[in-house]
Amino acid sequence: MSEPSTVAGPSAETRPTPLLRPGNSNCGGCGMSSALQLFGRAVEHRRLQLVVPASCAAVTAGPFPTTSFGVPTVLTTFGAAAAVATGLSRVARLNGDGTRVVCWAGDGGTYDIGMASLSAAAERDEDVLYVCYDNEIYGNTGGQRSSATPAGASTTNTPAGKPEEKKDLLAIMAAHRVRYAASFSIAHPQDAIRKVRRALDATGFRFLHALSPCPTGWKSEPALGIELVRLAVRSGLYPVVEIVEGRKLVVNVEPDFSREALELYLSLQQRFQRSGITAERLAPAIARRWRELRAASGRILPAEREA
């Protein structure tokens, strides 16, 4: 299932400056760049501050005194993004200026090193929107594994392929009973922009997750990033869902669980070749994950009950 690439309604043209300015240093085909541009279309006129921990996005800012970001941005250490964002959001509330504070972090600064401050801010229900662009590696330090790296993917410190499954971060955030948690797909822009706008306009702690292809780390063609995400969604490998108050789960994009799409997704990335992982080996984990999602959404299909 896919969506048209155009999005009706106001877009980035309503902002005097895009969130990601031309001439930035990001790699060609960077999924984070695509996600940030999509995010910028949803922001429109809203007053925004970014908090970016150590990551590829921190390098995006460029050398002082210039910047590739079109809004005020604070760069932090790996583990401090949510804590810094907490302070900024409280100042914004005191000033009453309507500024929305957004953490823009990779998986290393979210799943791993930043987990402590992220969990603390979520538990306190701080007025912060935390966005994780997930390229499934430590992309800025050479491509090491993170707990977001999927099973079978080769990295610099798991050359034969990572043996463990990927951490389910969205479920962890739902367990914090945050106001709003959702995954979005850069291949499904209408759903993504709706979720970003909902998250920006809400209060309390909100969390968004985006699968972010990294051509360097994934060893894929730069032009295929959006197609890779589309294949991941279609095969069921990347669920596109939203969870309200940690309880109400809605599946936004229904996969068709295409084995062909899953095989193509794996074959287009050299990071899976050394481990020899196959669609057949991944299928049981995908089926198990979707049984859990169906149960959480209250929609258990007859075949799934039998399984």
C-alpha atoms as a PDB file:
ATOM      1  CA  MET A   1       0.000   0.000   0.000  1.00  0.00           C
ATOM      2  CA  SER A   2       1.402   3.382  -0.947  1.00  0.00           C
ATOM      3  CA  GLU A   3       0.359   7.012  -1.121  1.00  0.00           C
ATOM      4  CA  PRO A   4       0.891   9.699  -3.719  1.00  0.00           C
ATOM      5  CA  SER A   5       3.994  11.788  -3.192  1.00  0.00           C
ATOM      6  CA  THR A   6       2.059  15.062  -3.183  1.00  0.00           C
ATOM      7  CA  VAL A   7       0.429  16.474  -0.080  1.00  0.00           C
ATOM      8  CA  ALA A   8      -2.526  18.817  -0.227  1.00  0.00           C
ATOM      9  CA  GLY A   9      -2.687  21.969   1.867  1.00  0.00           C
ATOM     10  CA  PRO A  10      -0.030  24.350   3.200  1.00  0.00           C
ATOM     11  CA  SER A  11       3.585  23.281   2.796  1.00  0.00           C
ATOM     12  CA  ALA A  12       7.093  24.476   3.420  1.00  0.00           C
ATOM     13  CA  GLU A  13       6.412  27.570   1.302  1.00  0.00           C
ATOM     14  CA  THR A  14       4.490  29.032   4.263  1.00  0.00           C
ATOM     15  CA  ARG A  15       7.778  29.238   6.216  1.00  0.00           C
ATOM     16  CA  PRO A  16      10.288  31.995   5.434  1.00  0.00           C
ATOM     17  CA  THR A  17      13.131  29.487   5.937  1.00  0.00           C
ATOM     18  CA  PRO A  18      13.055  25.681   5.489  1.00  0.00           C
ATOM     19  CA  LEU A  19      14.095  23.526   8.431  1.00  0.00           C
ATOM     20  CA  LEU A  20      16.915  22.063   6.338  1.00  0.00           C
ATOM     21  CA  ARG A  21      18.620  24.656   4.181  1.00  0.00           C
ATOM     22  CA  PRO A  22      20.156  23.916   0.764  1.00  0.00           C
ATOM     23  CA  GLY A  23      23.882  23.269   0.695  1.00  0.00           C
ATOM     24  CA  ASN A  24      23.964  21.089   3.799  1.00  0.00           C
ATOM     25  CA  SER A  25      26.608  18.386   4.155  1.00  0.00           C
ATOM     26  CA  ASN A  26      24.300  15.371   4.412  1.00  0.00           C
ATOM     27  CA  CYS A  27      25.012  12.314   2.286  1.00  0.00           C
ATOM     28  CA  GLY A  28      23.032  11.857  -0.898  1.00  0.00           C
ATOM     29  CA  GLY A  29      19.916   9.801  -0.252  1.00  0.00           C
ATOM     30  CA  CYS A  30      20.051  10.405   3.522  1.00  0.00           C
ATOM     31  CA  GLY A  31      16.748   9.296   5.051  1.00  0.00           C
ATOM     32  CA  MET A  32      17.169  11.800   7.870  1.00  0.00           C
ATOM     33  CA  SER A  33      17.196  14.616   5.301  1.00  0.00           C
ATOM     34  CA  SER A  34      13.979  13.318   3.757  1.00  0.00           C
ATOM     35  CA  ALA A  35      12.344  12.986   7.175  1.00  0.00           C
ATOM     36  CA  LEU A  36      13.398  16.491   8.195  1.00  0.00           C
ATOM     37  CA  GLN A  37      12.056  18.005   4.983  1.00  0.00           C
ATOM     38  CA  LEU A  38       8.774  16.163   5.516  1.00  0.00           C
ATOM     39  CA  PHE A  39       8.706  17.356   9.121  1.00  0.00           C
ATOM     40  CA  GLY A  40       9.284  20.923   7.927  1.00  0.00           C
ATOM     41  CA  ARG A  41       6.256  20.758   5.652  1.00  0.00           C
ATOM     42  CA  ALA A  42       4.112  19.909   8.663  1.00  0.00           C
ATOM     43  CA  VAL A  43       5.588  22.605  10.921  1.00  0.00           C
ATOM     44  CA  GLU A  44       4.312  25.451   8.707  1.00  0.00           C
ATOM     45  CA  HIS A  45       4.086  28.661  10.766  1.00  0.00           C
ATOM     46  CA  ARG A  46       4.656  27.119  14.198  1.00  0.00           C
ATOM     47  CA  ARG A  47       7.428  28.567  16.353  1.00  0.00           C
ATOM     48  CA  LEU A  48      10.084  25.866  16.817  1.00  0.00           C
ATOM     49  CA  GLN A  49      13.315  25.046  18.620  1.00  0.00           C
ATOM     50  CA  LEU A  50      15.378  21.956  17.833  1.00  0.00           C
ATOM     51  CA  VAL A  51      17.513  19.977  20.256  1.00  0.00           C
ATOM     52  CA  VAL A  52      19.969  17.685  18.482  1.00  0.00           C
ATOM     53  CA  PRO A  53      22.271  15.255  20.324  1.00  0.00           C
ATOM     54  CA  ALA A  54      25.529  13.931  18.894  1.00  0.00           C
ATOM     55  CA  SER A  55      24.536  12.308  15.603  1.00  0.00           C
ATOM     56  CA  CYS A  56      24.610  12.789  11.852  1.00  0.00           C
ATOM     57  CA  ALA A  57      22.054  15.552  12.381  1.00  0.00           C
ATOM     58  CA  ALA A  58      24.539  17.373  14.629  1.00  0.00           C
ATOM     59  CA  VAL A  59      27.051  17.366  11.767  1.00  0.00           C
ATOM     60  CA  THR A  60      24.289  18.695   9.506  1.00  0.00           C
ATOM     61  CA  ALA A  61      24.359  21.973  11.399  1.00  0.00           C
ATOM     62  CA  GLY A  62      27.753  22.777   9.866  1.00  0.00           C
ATOM     63  CA  PRO A  63      30.628  24.888  11.234  1.00  0.00           C
ATOM     64  CA  PHE A  64      30.033  27.917  13.433  1.00  0.00           C
ATOM     65  CA  PRO A  65      28.866  30.654  12.819  1.00  0.00           C
ATOM     66  CA  THR A  66      26.702  29.327   9.983  1.00  0.00           C
ATOM     67  CA  THR A  67      24.062  26.608  10.196  1.00  0.00           C
ATOM     68  CA  SER A  68      22.031  24.427   7.858  1.00  0.00           C
ATOM     69  CA  PHE A  69      19.060  24.441  10.251  1.00  0.00           C
ATOM     70  CA  GLY A  70      16.421  27.091   9.692  1.00  0.00           C
ATOM     71  CA  VAL A  71      15.318  27.380  13.335  1.00  0.00           C
ATOM     72  CA  PRO A  72      17.163  27.954  16.643  1.00  0.00           C
ATOM     73  CA  THR A  73      19.027  24.732  17.425  1.00  0.00           C
ATOM     74  CA  VAL A  74      20.898  23.470  20.483  1.00  0.00           C
ATOM     75  CA  LEU A  75      23.464  20.692  20.018  1.00  0.00           C
ATOM     76  CA  THR A  76      23.906  18.433  23.037  1.00  0.00           C
ATOM     77  CA  THR A  77      25.884  15.419  24.173  1.00  0.00           C
ATOM     78  CA  PHE A  78      24.560  11.966  23.274  1.00  0.00           C
ATOM     79  CA  GLY A  79      22.677  11.417  26.517  1.00  0.00           C
ATOM     80  CA  ALA A  80      21.328  14.885  27.282  1.00  0.00           C
ATOM     81  CA  ALA A  81      18.851  15.777  24.521  1.00  0.00           C
ATOM     82  CA  ALA A  82      15.630  15.134  26.444  1.00  0.00           C
ATOM     83  CA  ALA A  83      17.001  16.878  29.541  1.00  0.00           C
ATOM     84  CA  VAL A  84      18.015  19.982  27.585  1.00  0.00           C
ATOM     85  CA  ALA A  85      14.662  19.987  25.784  1.00  0.00           C
ATOM     86  CA  THR A  86      12.914  19.847  29.161  1.00  0.00           C
ATOM     87  CA  GLY A  87      14.629  23.065  30.239  1.00  0.00           C
ATOM     88  CA  LEU A  88      13.859  24.829  26.977  1.00  0.00           C
ATOM     89  CA  SER A  89      10.196  23.804  27.055  1.00  0.00           C
ATOM     90  CA  ARG A  90       9.788  25.089  30.607  1.00  0.00           C
ATOM     91  CA  VAL A  91      11.322  28.426  29.628  1.00  0.00           C
ATOM     92  CA  ALA A  92       9.002  28.593  26.614  1.00  0.00           C
ATOM     93  CA  ARG A  93       6.040  27.977  28.885  1.00  0.00           C
ATOM     94  CA  LEU A  94       7.175  30.740  31.254  1.00  0.00           C
ATOM     95  CA  ASN A  95       7.562  33.106  28.297  1.00  0.00           C
ATOM     96  CA  GLY A  96       4.164  32.114  26.915  1.00  0.00           C
ATOM     97  CA  ASP A  97       5.445  32.406  23.349  1.00  0.00           C
ATOM     98  CA  GLY A  98       4.066  29.108  22.058  1.00  0.00           C
ATOM     99  CA  THR A  99       7.454  27.685  21.091  1.00  0.00           C
ATOM    100  CA  ARG A 100       7.371  23.955  20.408  1.00  0.00           C
ATOM    101  CA  VAL A 101      10.558  22.189  21.520  1.00  0.00           C
ATOM    102  CA  VAL A 102      11.555  19.192  19.412  1.00  0.00           C
ATOM    103  CA  CYS A 103      14.342  16.665  19.978  1.00  0.00           C
ATOM    104  CA  TRP A 104      15.685  15.436  16.644  1.00  0.00           C
ATOM    105  CA  ALA A 105      17.789  12.386  17.488  1.00  0.00           C
ATOM    106  CA  GLY A 106      19.216   9.266  15.912  1.00  0.00           C
ATOM    107  CA  ASP A 107      18.834   5.754  17.264  1.00  0.00           C
ATOM    108  CA  GLY A 108      22.147   5.846  19.125  1.00  0.00           C
ATOM    109  CA  GLY A 109      21.011   8.889  21.107  1.00  0.00           C
ATOM    110  CA  THR A 110      17.546   7.414  21.613  1.00  0.00           C
ATOM    111  CA  TYR A 111      17.586   3.626  21.934  1.00  0.00           C
ATOM    112  CA  ASP A 112      20.898   3.493  23.782  1.00  0.00           C
ATOM    113  CA  ILE A 113      22.894   6.415  25.175  1.00  0.00           C
ATOM    114  CA  GLY A 114      19.955   8.789  25.486  1.00  0.00           C
ATOM    115  CA  MET A 115      17.503   6.293  26.963  1.00  0.00           C
ATOM    116  CA  ALA A 116      17.877   7.474  30.582  1.00  0.00           C
ATOM    117  CA  SER A 117      16.961  11.121  29.957  1.00  0.00           C
ATOM    118  CA  LEU A 118      14.341  10.096  27.389  1.00  0.00           C
ATOM    119  CA  SER A 119      12.615   7.781  29.857  1.00  0.00           C
ATOM    120  CA  ALA A 120      12.802  10.389  32.616  1.00  0.00           C
ATOM    121  CA  ALA A 121      11.248  13.119  30.463  1.00  0.00           C
ATOM    122  CA  ALA A 122       8.520  10.729  29.304  1.00  0.00           C
ATOM    123  CA  GLU A 123       7.746   9.636  32.863  1.00  0.00           C
ATOM    124  CA  ARG A 124       7.441  13.286  33.960  1.00  0.00           C
ATOM    125  CA  ASP A 125       5.250  14.053  30.931  1.00  0.00           C
ATOM    126  CA  GLU A 126       7.415  16.993  29.912  1.00  0.00           C
ATOM    127  CA  ASP A 127       6.047  19.192  27.134  1.00  0.00           C
ATOM    128  CA  VAL A 128       8.508  17.872  24.540  1.00  0.00           C
ATOM    129  CA  LEU A 129       8.159  16.264  21.131  1.00  0.00           C
ATOM    130  CA  TYR A 130      10.901  13.673  20.679  1.00  0.00           C
ATOM    131  CA  VAL A 131      11.558  12.473  17.123  1.00  0.00           C
ATOM    132  CA  CYS A 132      13.864   9.535  16.468  1.00  0.00           C
ATOM    133  CA  TYR A 133      15.153   9.202  12.919  1.00  0.00           C
ATOM    134  CA  ASP A 134      16.263   5.591  13.010  1.00  0.00           C
ATOM    135  CA  ASN A 135      19.025   4.587  10.609  1.00  0.00           C
ATOM    136  CA  GLU A 136      19.635   1.447  12.685  1.00  0.00           C
ATOM    137  CA  ILE A 137      23.346   2.129  13.320  1.00  0.00           C
ATOM    138  CA  TYR A 138      25.730   4.627  14.864  1.00  0.00           C
ATOM    139  CA  GLY A 139      26.048   6.303  11.489  1.00  0.00           C
ATOM    140  CA  ASN A 140      28.276   9.225  12.440  1.00  0.00           C
ATOM    141  CA  THR A 141      31.000   7.152  14.106  1.00  0.00           C
ATOM    142  CA  GLY A 142      31.624   4.487  11.504  1.00  0.00           C
ATOM    143  CA  GLY A 143      28.483   2.349  11.418  1.00  0.00           C
ATOM    144  CA  GLN A 144      28.542   0.344  14.647  1.00  0.00           C
ATOM    145  CA  ARG A 145      25.539  -1.670  15.839  1.00  0.00           C
ATOM    146  CA  SER A 146      22.925  -0.104  18.091  1.00  0.00           C
ATOM    147  CA  SER A 147      20.007  -1.803  19.786  1.00  0.00           C
ATOM    148  CA  ALA A 148      17.985  -0.544  16.810  1.00  0.00           C
ATOM    149  CA  THR A 149      20.067  -2.614  14.384  1.00  0.00           C
ATOM    150  CA  PRO A 150      17.952  -5.475  13.002  1.00  0.00           C
ATOM    151  CA  ALA A 151      18.904  -9.130  13.195  1.00  0.00           C
ATOM    152  CA  GLY A 152      21.220 -10.210  10.417  1.00  0.00           C
ATOM    153  CA  ALA A 153      22.586  -6.748   9.586  1.00  0.00           C
ATOM    154  CA  SER A 154      26.354  -6.425   9.283  1.00  0.00           C
ATOM    155  CA  THR A 155      27.995  -3.483  11.035  1.00  0.00           C
ATOM    156  CA  THR A 156      31.594  -2.607  11.836  1.00  0.00           C
ATOM    157  CA  ASN A 157      31.406  -4.476  15.147  1.00  0.00           C
ATOM    158  CA  THR A 158      29.000  -7.215  14.037  1.00  0.00           C
ATOM    159  CA  PRO A 159      30.575  -8.103  10.675  1.00  0.00           C
ATOM    160  CA  ALA A 160      28.867 -11.493  10.488  1.00  0.00           C
ATOM    161  CA  GLY A 161      25.478  -9.957  11.229  1.00  0.00           C
ATOM    162  CA  LYS A 162      23.821  -8.917  14.471  1.00  0.00           C
ATOM    163  CA  PRO A 163      22.303 -11.960  16.242  1.00  0.00           C
ATOM    164  CA  GLU A 164      19.742 -10.091  18.364  1.00  0.00           C
ATOM    165  CA  GLU A 165      16.397  -8.696  17.219  1.00  0.00           C
ATOM    166  CA  LYS A 166      15.758  -4.982  17.119  1.00  0.00           C
ATOM    167  CA  LYS A 167      14.534  -3.302  20.295  1.00  0.00           C
ATOM    168  CA  ASP A 168      10.824  -2.378  20.213  1.00  0.00           C
ATOM    169  CA  LEU A 169      11.149   1.251  21.239  1.00  0.00           C
ATOM    170  CA  LEU A 170       7.586   2.252  20.387  1.00  0.00           C
ATOM    171  CA  ALA A 171       6.309  -0.352  22.846  1.00  0.00           C
ATOM    172  CA  ILE A 172       8.687   1.017  25.476  1.00  0.00           C
ATOM    173  CA  MET A 173       7.320   4.517  24.976  1.00  0.00           C
ATOM    174  CA  ALA A 174       3.752   3.213  25.105  1.00  0.00           C
ATOM    175  CA  ALA A 175       4.608   1.575  28.431  1.00  0.00           C
ATOM    176  CA  HIS A 176       5.411   5.083  29.709  1.00  0.00           C
ATOM    177  CA  ARG A 177       1.802   5.997  28.826  1.00  0.00           C
ATOM    178  CA  VAL A 178       2.982   9.058  26.896  1.00  0.00           C
ATOM    179  CA  ARG A 179       0.308  11.323  25.420  1.00  0.00           C
ATOM    180  CA  TYR A 180       1.039  10.306  21.847  1.00  0.00           C
ATOM    181  CA  ALA A 181       3.480   7.874  20.240  1.00  0.00           C
ATOM    182  CA  ALA A 182       3.573   7.006  16.556  1.00  0.00           C
ATOM    183  CA  SER A 183       5.725   5.648  13.780  1.00  0.00           C
ATOM    184  CA  PHE A 184       5.661   7.335  10.404  1.00  0.00           C
ATOM    185  CA  SER A 185       6.924   6.460   6.955  1.00  0.00           C
ATOM    186  CA  ILE A 186       8.710   8.854   4.601  1.00  0.00           C
ATOM    187  CA  ALA A 187       7.059   6.839   1.799  1.00  0.00           C
ATOM    188  CA  HIS A 188       3.575   7.774   3.122  1.00  0.00           C
ATOM    189  CA  PRO A 189       3.717  11.574   3.412  1.00  0.00           C
ATOM    190  CA  GLN A 190       0.051  12.289   4.084  1.00  0.00           C
ATOM    191  CA  ASP A 191      -0.033  10.041   7.132  1.00  0.00           C
ATOM    192  CA  ALA A 192       3.352  11.381   8.277  1.00  0.00           C
ATOM    193  CA  ILE A 193       2.354  15.050   8.052  1.00  0.00           C
ATOM    194  CA  ARG A 194      -0.918  14.397   9.870  1.00  0.00           C
ATOM    195  CA  LYS A 195       0.974  12.749  12.721  1.00  0.00           C
ATOM    196  CA  VAL A 196       3.573  15.505  12.955  1.00  0.00           C
ATOM    197  CA  ARG A 197       0.890  18.188  13.112  1.00  0.00           C
ATOM    198  CA  ARG A 198      -1.018  16.268  15.757  1.00  0.00           C
ATOM    199  CA  ALA A 199       2.147  15.836  17.811  1.00  0.00           C
ATOM    200  CA  LEU A 200       3.160  19.489  17.447  1.00  0.00           C
ATOM    201  CA  ASP A 201      -0.234  20.763  18.560  1.00  0.00           C
ATOM    202  CA  ALA A 202      -0.529  18.405  21.536  1.00  0.00           C
ATOM    203  CA  THR A 203       0.936  19.051  24.971  1.00  0.00           C
ATOM    204  CA  GLY A 204       2.877  16.779  27.287  1.00  0.00           C
ATOM    205  CA  PHE A 205       5.410  14.238  26.098  1.00  0.00           C
ATOM    206  CA  ARG A 206       5.037  12.972  22.525  1.00  0.00           C
ATOM    207  CA  PHE A 207       7.209  10.568  20.566  1.00  0.00           C
ATOM    208  CA  LEU A 208       7.603   9.971  16.826  1.00  0.00           C
ATOM    209  CA  HIS A 209       9.694   7.303  15.120  1.00  0.00           C
ATOM    210  CA  ALA A 210      10.829   7.290  11.484  1.00  0.00           C
ATOM    211  CA  LEU A 211      12.757   4.573   9.668  1.00  0.00           C
ATOM    212  CA  SER A 212      15.639   6.477   8.057  1.00  0.00           C
ATOM    213  CA  PRO A 213      17.649   4.699   5.353  1.00  0.00           C
ATOM    214  CA  CYS A 214      21.400   5.331   5.434  1.00  0.00           C
ATOM    215  CA  PRO A 215      22.983   4.483   2.058  1.00  0.00           C
ATOM    216  CA  THR A 216      26.462   4.401   3.622  1.00  0.00           C
ATOM    217  CA  GLY A 217      25.582   2.101   6.515  1.00  0.00           C
ATOM    218  CA  TRP A 218      22.925   0.067   4.731  1.00  0.00           C
ATOM    219  CA  LYS A 219      25.133  -0.270   1.644  1.00  0.00           C
ATOM    220  CA  SER A 220      22.258   0.626  -0.630  1.00  0.00           C
ATOM    221  CA  GLU A 221      21.783   2.945  -3.590  1.00  0.00           C
ATOM    222  CA  PRO A 222      21.051   6.545  -2.485  1.00  0.00           C
ATOM    223  CA  ALA A 223      18.085   6.844  -4.853  1.00  0.00           C
ATOM    224  CA  LEU A 224      16.317   3.850  -3.264  1.00  0.00           C
ATOM    225  CA  GLY A 225      15.735   5.209   0.253  1.00  0.00           C
ATOM    226  CA  ILE A 226      12.027   5.946  -0.010  1.00  0.00           C
ATOM    227  CA  GLU A 227      11.419   2.722  -1.909  1.00  0.00           C
ATOM    228  CA  LEU A 228      13.181   0.741   0.831  1.00  0.00           C
ATOM    229  CA  VAL A 229      10.854   2.232   3.436  1.00  0.00           C
ATOM    230  CA  ARG A 230       7.861   1.452   1.233  1.00  0.00           C
ATOM    231  CA  LEU A 231       9.010  -2.180   0.972  1.00  0.00           C
ATOM    232  CA  ALA A 232       9.539  -2.376   4.734  1.00  0.00           C
ATOM    233  CA  VAL A 233       5.991  -1.138   5.353  1.00  0.00           C
ATOM    234  CA  ARG A 234       4.436  -3.340   2.700  1.00  0.00           C
ATOM    235  CA  SER A 235       6.140  -6.500   4.011  1.00  0.00           C
ATOM    236  CA  GLY A 236       5.115  -5.805   7.608  1.00  0.00           C
ATOM    237  CA  LEU A 237       8.721  -5.322   8.703  1.00  0.00           C
ATOM    238  CA  TYR A 238       8.039  -1.681   9.689  1.00  0.00           C
ATOM    239  CA  PRO A 239       4.584  -1.187  11.251  1.00  0.00           C
ATOM    240  CA  VAL A 240       3.058   2.277  10.811  1.00  0.00           C
ATOM    241  CA  VAL A 241       0.912   2.825  13.897  1.00  0.00           C
ATOM    242  CA  GLU A 242      -0.070   5.391  16.510  1.00  0.00           C
ATOM    243  CA  ILE A 243      -0.699   4.903  20.229  1.00  0.00           C
ATOM    244  CA  VAL A 244      -2.640   7.337  22.412  1.00  0.00           C
ATOM    245  CA  GLU A 245      -2.033   7.467  26.188  1.00  0.00           C
ATOM    246  CA  GLY A 246      -0.167   4.159  25.921  1.00  0.00           C
ATOM    247  CA  ARG A 247      -3.430   2.259  25.442  1.00  0.00           C
ATOM    248  CA  LYS A 248      -5.303   2.945  22.211  1.00  0.00           C
ATOM    249  CA  LEU A 249      -3.346   1.539  19.255  1.00  0.00           C
ATOM    250  CA  VAL A 250      -4.359   2.142  15.636  1.00  0.00           C
ATOM    251  CA  VAL A 251      -2.723   0.592  12.580  1.00  0.00           C
ATOM    252  CA  ASN A 252      -2.484   3.383   9.999  1.00  0.00           C
ATOM    253  CA  VAL A 253      -1.078   1.537   6.992  1.00  0.00           C
ATOM    254  CA  GLU A 254      -2.085  -2.079   6.458  1.00  0.00           C
ATOM    255  CA  PRO A 255       0.698  -4.253   5.023  1.00  0.00           C
ATOM    256  CA  ASP A 256       0.039  -7.052   2.574  1.00  0.00           C
ATOM    257  CA  PHE A 257       2.910  -9.122   4.067  1.00  0.00           C
ATOM    258  CA  SER A 258       4.394  -9.593   0.623  1.00  0.00           C
ATOM    259  CA  ARG A 259       7.232 -12.111   0.716  1.00  0.00           C
ATOM    260  CA  GLU A 260       8.445 -10.635  -2.563  1.00  0.00           C
ATOM    261  CA  ALA A 261       8.653  -7.151  -1.003  1.00  0.00           C
ATOM    262  CA  LEU A 262      10.609  -8.524   1.954  1.00  0.00           C
ATOM    263  CA  GLU A 263      13.032 -10.399  -0.284  1.00  0.00           C
ATOM    264  CA  LEU A 264      13.562  -7.280  -2.385  1.00  0.00           C
ATOM    265  CA  TYR A 265      14.121  -5.169   0.745  1.00  0.00           C
ATOM    266  CA  LEU A 266      16.891  -7.535   1.876  1.00  0.00           C
ATOM    267  CA  SER A 267      18.492  -7.904  -1.536  1.00  0.00           C
ATOM    268  CA  LEU A 268      18.794  -4.154  -2.117  1.00  0.00           C
ATOM    269  CA  GLN A 269      21.064  -3.783   0.946  1.00  0.00           C
ATOM    270  CA  GLN A 270      24.470  -5.392   1.107  1.00  0.00           C
ATOM    271  CA  ARG A 271      24.417  -5.247   4.915  1.00  0.00           C
ATOM    272  CA  PHE A 272      22.269  -8.415   4.952  1.00  0.00           C
ATOM    273  CA  GLN A 273      24.325 -10.449   2.504  1.00  0.00           C
ATOM    274  CA  ARG A 274      27.052 -11.739   4.793  1.00  0.00           C
ATOM    275  CA  SER A 275      24.704 -13.182   7.422  1.00  0.00           C
ATOM    276  CA  GLY A 276      22.589 -14.892   4.786  1.00  0.00           C
ATOM    277  CA  ILE A 277      19.374 -13.922   6.543  1.00  0.00           C
ATOM    278  CA  THR A 278      16.330 -14.590   4.392  1.00  0.00           C
ATOM    279  CA  ALA A 279      12.715 -13.519   4.177  1.00  0.00           C
ATOM    280  CA  GLU A 280      11.739 -17.017   5.292  1.00  0.00           C
ATOM    281  CA  ARG A 281      13.773 -16.642   8.491  1.00  0.00           C
ATOM    282  CA  LEU A 282      12.300 -13.192   9.223  1.00  0.00           C
ATOM    283  CA  ALA A 283       8.684 -14.119   8.536  1.00  0.00           C
ATOM    284  CA  PRO A 284       7.945 -15.770  11.944  1.00  0.00           C
ATOM    285  CA  ALA A 285       9.178 -12.703  13.862  1.00  0.00           C
ATOM    286  CA  ILE A 286       7.085 -10.411  11.646  1.00  0.00           C
ATOM    287  CA  ALA A 287       4.003 -12.595  12.170  1.00  0.00           C
ATOM    288  CA  ARG A 288       4.558 -12.644  15.931  1.00  0.00           C
ATOM    289  CA  ARG A 289       4.935  -8.868  16.045  1.00  0.00           C
ATOM    290  CA  TRP A 290       1.718  -8.358  14.120  1.00  0.00           C
ATOM    291  CA  ARG A 291      -0.208 -10.717  16.376  1.00  0.00           C
ATOM    292  CA  GLU A 292       0.904  -8.508  19.266  1.00  0.00           C
ATOM    293  CA  LEU A 293      -0.145  -5.348  17.417  1.00  0.00           C
ATOM    294  CA  ARG A 294      -3.546  -6.809  16.484  1.00  0.00           C
ATOM    295  CA  ALA A 295      -4.132  -7.826  20.076  1.00  0.00           C
ATOM    296  CA  ALA A 296      -3.196  -4.344  21.309  1.00  0.00           C
ATOM    297  CA  SER A 297      -5.531  -2.744  18.764  1.00  0.00           C
ATOM    298  CA  GLY A 298      -8.374  -5.114  19.629  1.00  0.00           C
ATOM    299  CA  ARG A 299      -8.527  -6.443  16.072  1.00  0.00           C
ATOM    300  CA  ILE A 300      -7.575 -10.121  16.125  1.00  0.00           C
ATOM    301  CA  LEU A 301      -8.365 -11.800  12.833  1.00  0.00           C
ATOM    302  CA  PRO A 302      -9.670 -15.415  12.799  1.00  0.00           C
ATOM    303  CA  ALA A 303      -6.459 -16.785  11.287  1.00  0.00           C
ATOM    304  CA  GLU A 304      -4.444 -14.966  13.918  1.00  0.00           C
ATOM    305  CA  ARG A 305      -6.584 -16.447  16.715  1.00  0.00           C
ATOM    306  CA  GLU A 306      -5.839 -19.908  15.392  1.00  0.00           C
ATOM    307  CA  ALA A 307      -2.093 -19.135  15.251  1.00  0.00           C
END
